[in-house]
Amino acid sequence: MKLLFLCVANSARSQMAEGLARHLLGPGHEVLSAGSAPTKPNPYAIEAMANRGIDITTHTSKSFTSLDAAAFDYVITLCAEEICPWLPGKTQRLHWPIDDPASSDPALTPEDFRARFARARDEIEARIEAFRREQAGSRVS
């Protein structure tokens, strides 16, 4: 099964989703992430994943413009308030609105960021676990 996680910067939510999905879904799943305005993986995302024992330090931010949605079984968008990229094509689409843990708010402390990224990671992890259970159930039926 091929999964693609999309958000805007491909720096936090989709990077964490890619790492979590690879870890939780295991072999037999090809997982990628991309964004509409890719930047670079956020250090807080890397730290949040390291706290789960998942290394995403080799991940890079990628643009969705070079990807073909039809090549994926699922395209999962993670944007909450911002506009997520849209890939045309016939594929299963899921939308998991996750608040962006990154922020330019100067009042946020490093601990605030760690909490925001951990919260986003945990929500993504719960959704991937639910997705995995749903997929397992559909294979049994």
C-alpha atoms as a PDB file:
ATOM      1  CA  MET A   1       0.000   0.000   0.000  1.00  0.00           C
ATOM      2  CA  LYS A   2       1.277   3.466  -0.912  1.00  0.00           C
ATOM      3  CA  LEU A   3       0.474   6.440   1.345  1.00  0.00           C
ATOM      4  CA  LEU A   4       1.172  10.130   0.833  1.00  0.00           C
ATOM      5  CA  PHE A   5       0.853  12.667   3.647  1.00  0.00           C
ATOM      6  CA  LEU A   6       0.395  16.284   2.606  1.00  0.00           C
ATOM      7  CA  CYS A   7       0.526  19.622   4.386  1.00  0.00           C
ATOM      8  CA  VAL A   8       1.864  23.045   3.473  1.00  0.00           C
ATOM      9  CA  ALA A   9       5.548  23.237   4.457  1.00  0.00           C
ATOM     10  CA  ASN A  10       6.276  19.489   4.723  1.00  0.00           C
ATOM     11  CA  SER A  11       8.246  20.409   7.810  1.00  0.00           C
ATOM     12  CA  ALA A  12       6.230  19.159  10.797  1.00  0.00           C
ATOM     13  CA  ARG A  13       2.904  17.292  10.559  1.00  0.00           C
ATOM     14  CA  SER A  14       3.518  15.433   7.313  1.00  0.00           C
ATOM     15  CA  GLN A  15       7.128  14.649   8.275  1.00  0.00           C
ATOM     16  CA  MET A  16       5.987  13.209  11.606  1.00  0.00           C
ATOM     17  CA  ALA A  17       3.185  11.299   9.853  1.00  0.00           C
ATOM     18  CA  GLU A  18       5.659   9.815   7.383  1.00  0.00           C
ATOM     19  CA  GLY A  19       7.954   8.657  10.183  1.00  0.00           C
ATOM     20  CA  LEU A  20       5.125   7.318  12.325  1.00  0.00           C
ATOM     21  CA  ALA A  21       3.453   5.486   9.433  1.00  0.00           C
ATOM     22  CA  ARG A  22       6.695   3.824   8.391  1.00  0.00           C
ATOM     23  CA  HIS A  23       7.243   2.736  11.987  1.00  0.00           C
ATOM     24  CA  LEU A  24       3.676   1.666  12.808  1.00  0.00           C
ATOM     25  CA  LEU A  25       2.555   0.159   9.499  1.00  0.00           C
ATOM     26  CA  GLY A  26       5.769  -1.707   8.756  1.00  0.00           C
ATOM     27  CA  PRO A  27       6.753  -3.595   5.608  1.00  0.00           C
ATOM     28  CA  GLY A  28       4.371  -3.632   2.700  1.00  0.00           C
ATOM     29  CA  HIS A  29       3.670   0.084   2.987  1.00  0.00           C
ATOM     30  CA  GLU A  30       5.422   2.772   0.971  1.00  0.00           C
ATOM     31  CA  VAL A  31       5.078   6.099   2.753  1.00  0.00           C
ATOM     32  CA  LEU A  32       5.984   9.575   1.527  1.00  0.00           C
ATOM     33  CA  SER A  33       5.217  13.134   2.542  1.00  0.00           C
ATOM     34  CA  ALA A  34       5.164  16.413   0.636  1.00  0.00           C
ATOM     35  CA  GLY A  35       3.903  19.974   0.780  1.00  0.00           C
ATOM     36  CA  SER A  36       2.754  22.890  -1.337  1.00  0.00           C
ATOM     37  CA  ALA A  37       5.473  25.227  -0.007  1.00  0.00           C
ATOM     38  CA  PRO A  38       8.201  22.890   1.252  1.00  0.00           C
ATOM     39  CA  THR A  39      10.842  24.269   3.591  1.00  0.00           C
ATOM     40  CA  LYS A  40      12.878  21.873   5.765  1.00  0.00           C
ATOM     41  CA  PRO A  41      12.056  19.470   8.588  1.00  0.00           C
ATOM     42  CA  ASN A  42      11.410  21.389  11.799  1.00  0.00           C
ATOM     43  CA  PRO A  43      13.879  20.636  14.618  1.00  0.00           C
ATOM     44  CA  TYR A  44      10.975  20.287  17.057  1.00  0.00           C
ATOM     45  CA  ALA A  45       9.401  17.648  14.794  1.00  0.00           C
ATOM     46  CA  ILE A  46      12.709  15.774  14.725  1.00  0.00           C
ATOM     47  CA  GLU A  47      12.913  15.990  18.538  1.00  0.00           C
ATOM     48  CA  ALA A  48       9.284  14.890  19.027  1.00  0.00           C
ATOM     49  CA  MET A  49       9.900  11.842  16.863  1.00  0.00           C
ATOM     50  CA  ALA A  50      13.208  11.025  18.578  1.00  0.00           C
ATOM     51  CA  ASN A  51      11.248  10.960  21.837  1.00  0.00           C
ATOM     52  CA  ARG A  52       9.293   8.055  20.294  1.00  0.00           C
ATOM     53  CA  GLY A  53      12.489   6.340  19.135  1.00  0.00           C
ATOM     54  CA  ILE A  54      11.887   7.271  15.475  1.00  0.00           C
ATOM     55  CA  ASP A  55      14.695   8.947  13.538  1.00  0.00           C
ATOM     56  CA  ILE A  56      13.550  11.382  10.837  1.00  0.00           C
ATOM     57  CA  THR A  57      16.843  13.290  10.600  1.00  0.00           C
ATOM     58  CA  THR A  58      17.373  12.066   7.029  1.00  0.00           C
ATOM     59  CA  HIS A  59      13.943  13.277   5.854  1.00  0.00           C
ATOM     60  CA  THR A  60      13.814  16.165   3.402  1.00  0.00           C
ATOM     61  CA  SER A  61      10.946  18.471   2.510  1.00  0.00           C
ATOM     62  CA  LYS A  62       9.475  17.691  -0.895  1.00  0.00           C
ATOM     63  CA  SER A  63       7.089  19.482  -3.231  1.00  0.00           C
ATOM     64  CA  PHE A  64       3.841  17.765  -4.154  1.00  0.00           C
ATOM     65  CA  THR A  65       4.048  19.163  -7.715  1.00  0.00           C
ATOM     66  CA  SER A  66       6.304  16.333  -8.872  1.00  0.00           C
ATOM     67  CA  LEU A  67       4.001  13.615  -7.535  1.00  0.00           C
ATOM     68  CA  ASP A  68       1.170  11.729  -9.212  1.00  0.00           C
ATOM     69  CA  ALA A  69      -1.754  11.141  -6.844  1.00  0.00           C
ATOM     70  CA  ALA A  70      -2.818   8.140  -8.906  1.00  0.00           C
ATOM     71  CA  ALA A  71       0.391   6.412  -7.850  1.00  0.00           C
ATOM     72  CA  PHE A  72      -0.859   6.323  -4.230  1.00  0.00           C
ATOM     73  CA  ASP A  73      -3.579   4.251  -2.636  1.00  0.00           C
ATOM     74  CA  TYR A  74      -4.234   7.006  -0.092  1.00  0.00           C
ATOM     75  CA  VAL A  75      -3.506  10.731  -0.024  1.00  0.00           C
ATOM     76  CA  ILE A  76      -3.941  12.042   3.513  1.00  0.00           C
ATOM     77  CA  THR A  77      -4.055  15.795   4.091  1.00  0.00           C
ATOM     78  CA  LEU A  78      -3.166  17.116   7.532  1.00  0.00           C
ATOM     79  CA  CYS A  79      -3.963  20.845   7.256  1.00  0.00           C
ATOM     80  CA  ALA A  80      -6.315  22.365   9.805  1.00  0.00           C
ATOM     81  CA  GLU A  81      -6.881  26.049   9.055  1.00  0.00           C
ATOM     82  CA  GLU A  82      -4.551  26.531   6.105  1.00  0.00           C
ATOM     83  CA  ILE A  83      -5.286  25.371   2.572  1.00  0.00           C
ATOM     84  CA  CYS A  84      -3.838  21.931   1.887  1.00  0.00           C
ATOM     85  CA  PRO A  85      -2.412  21.001  -1.493  1.00  0.00           C
ATOM     86  CA  TRP A  86      -4.687  19.004  -3.778  1.00  0.00           C
ATOM     87  CA  LEU A  87      -3.462  16.332  -6.152  1.00  0.00           C
ATOM     88  CA  PRO A  88      -5.835  15.442  -8.965  1.00  0.00           C
ATOM     89  CA  GLY A  89      -6.407  11.818  -9.757  1.00  0.00           C
ATOM     90  CA  LYS A  90      -8.374   8.815  -8.643  1.00  0.00           C
ATOM     91  CA  THR A  91      -7.191   7.787  -5.218  1.00  0.00           C
ATOM     92  CA  GLN A  92      -8.616   7.409  -1.744  1.00  0.00           C
ATOM     93  CA  ARG A  93      -8.475  10.762   0.034  1.00  0.00           C
ATOM     94  CA  LEU A  94      -8.560  11.242   3.769  1.00  0.00           C
ATOM     95  CA  HIS A  95      -8.456  14.531   5.653  1.00  0.00           C
ATOM     96  CA  TRP A  96      -7.074  14.571   9.168  1.00  0.00           C
ATOM     97  CA  PRO A  97      -7.116  18.215  10.316  1.00  0.00           C
ATOM     98  CA  ILE A  98      -4.214  18.614  12.749  1.00  0.00           C
ATOM     99  CA  ASP A  99      -3.333  22.044  14.125  1.00  0.00           C
ATOM    100  CA  ASP A 100       0.051  23.239  12.900  1.00  0.00           C
ATOM    101  CA  PRO A 101       2.451  23.048  15.859  1.00  0.00           C
ATOM    102  CA  ALA A 102       4.865  25.499  14.209  1.00  0.00           C
ATOM    103  CA  SER A 103       4.273  29.174  14.914  1.00  0.00           C
ATOM    104  CA  SER A 104       5.948  32.542  14.541  1.00  0.00           C
ATOM    105  CA  ASP A 105       4.477  33.730  17.866  1.00  0.00           C
ATOM    106  CA  PRO A 106       7.434  35.257  19.755  1.00  0.00           C
ATOM    107  CA  ALA A 107       5.719  34.588  23.096  1.00  0.00           C
ATOM    108  CA  LEU A 108       6.058  30.813  22.691  1.00  0.00           C
ATOM    109  CA  THR A 109       8.915  29.253  24.630  1.00  0.00           C
ATOM    110  CA  PRO A 110      10.885  26.165  23.616  1.00  0.00           C
ATOM    111  CA  GLU A 111       8.799  24.187  26.137  1.00  0.00           C
ATOM    112  CA  ASP A 112       5.612  25.515  24.502  1.00  0.00           C
ATOM    113  CA  PHE A 113       6.879  24.285  21.137  1.00  0.00           C
ATOM    114  CA  ARG A 114       7.817  20.893  22.549  1.00  0.00           C
ATOM    115  CA  ALA A 115       4.306  20.521  23.968  1.00  0.00           C
ATOM    116  CA  ARG A 116       2.672  21.638  20.693  1.00  0.00           C
ATOM    117  CA  PHE A 117       4.744  19.204  18.610  1.00  0.00           C
ATOM    118  CA  ALA A 118       4.175  16.337  21.060  1.00  0.00           C
ATOM    119  CA  ARG A 119       0.422  16.982  20.932  1.00  0.00           C
ATOM    120  CA  ALA A 120       0.416  16.975  17.103  1.00  0.00           C
ATOM    121  CA  ARG A 121       2.589  13.830  17.022  1.00  0.00           C
ATOM    122  CA  ASP A 122       0.294  12.017  19.439  1.00  0.00           C
ATOM    123  CA  GLU A 123      -2.810  12.966  17.453  1.00  0.00           C
ATOM    124  CA  ILE A 124      -1.232  11.794  14.200  1.00  0.00           C
ATOM    125  CA  GLU A 125      -0.113   8.565  15.875  1.00  0.00           C
ATOM    126  CA  ALA A 126      -3.666   7.894  17.108  1.00  0.00           C
ATOM    127  CA  ARG A 127      -5.068   8.453  13.609  1.00  0.00           C
ATOM    128  CA  ILE A 128      -2.499   6.143  12.021  1.00  0.00           C
ATOM    129  CA  GLU A 129      -3.286   3.463  14.619  1.00  0.00           C
ATOM    130  CA  ALA A 130      -7.009   3.813  13.828  1.00  0.00           C
ATOM    131  CA  PHE A 131      -6.212   3.647  10.102  1.00  0.00           C
ATOM    132  CA  ARG A 132      -4.144   0.487  10.675  1.00  0.00           C
ATOM    133  CA  ARG A 133      -6.982  -1.164  12.633  1.00  0.00           C
ATOM    134  CA  GLU A 134      -9.478  -0.197   9.933  1.00  0.00           C
ATOM    135  CA  GLN A 135      -7.247  -1.622   7.206  1.00  0.00           C
ATOM    136  CA  ALA A 136      -6.737  -4.852   9.163  1.00  0.00           C
ATOM    137  CA  GLY A 137     -10.495  -5.146   9.683  1.00  0.00           C
ATOM    138  CA  SER A 138     -11.231  -4.649   5.988  1.00  0.00           C
ATOM    139  CA  ARG A 139      -8.801  -7.469   5.078  1.00  0.00           C
ATOM    140  CA  VAL A 140     -10.598  -9.836   7.469  1.00  0.00           C
ATOM    141  CA  SER A 141     -14.070  -9.065   6.093  1.00  0.00           C
END
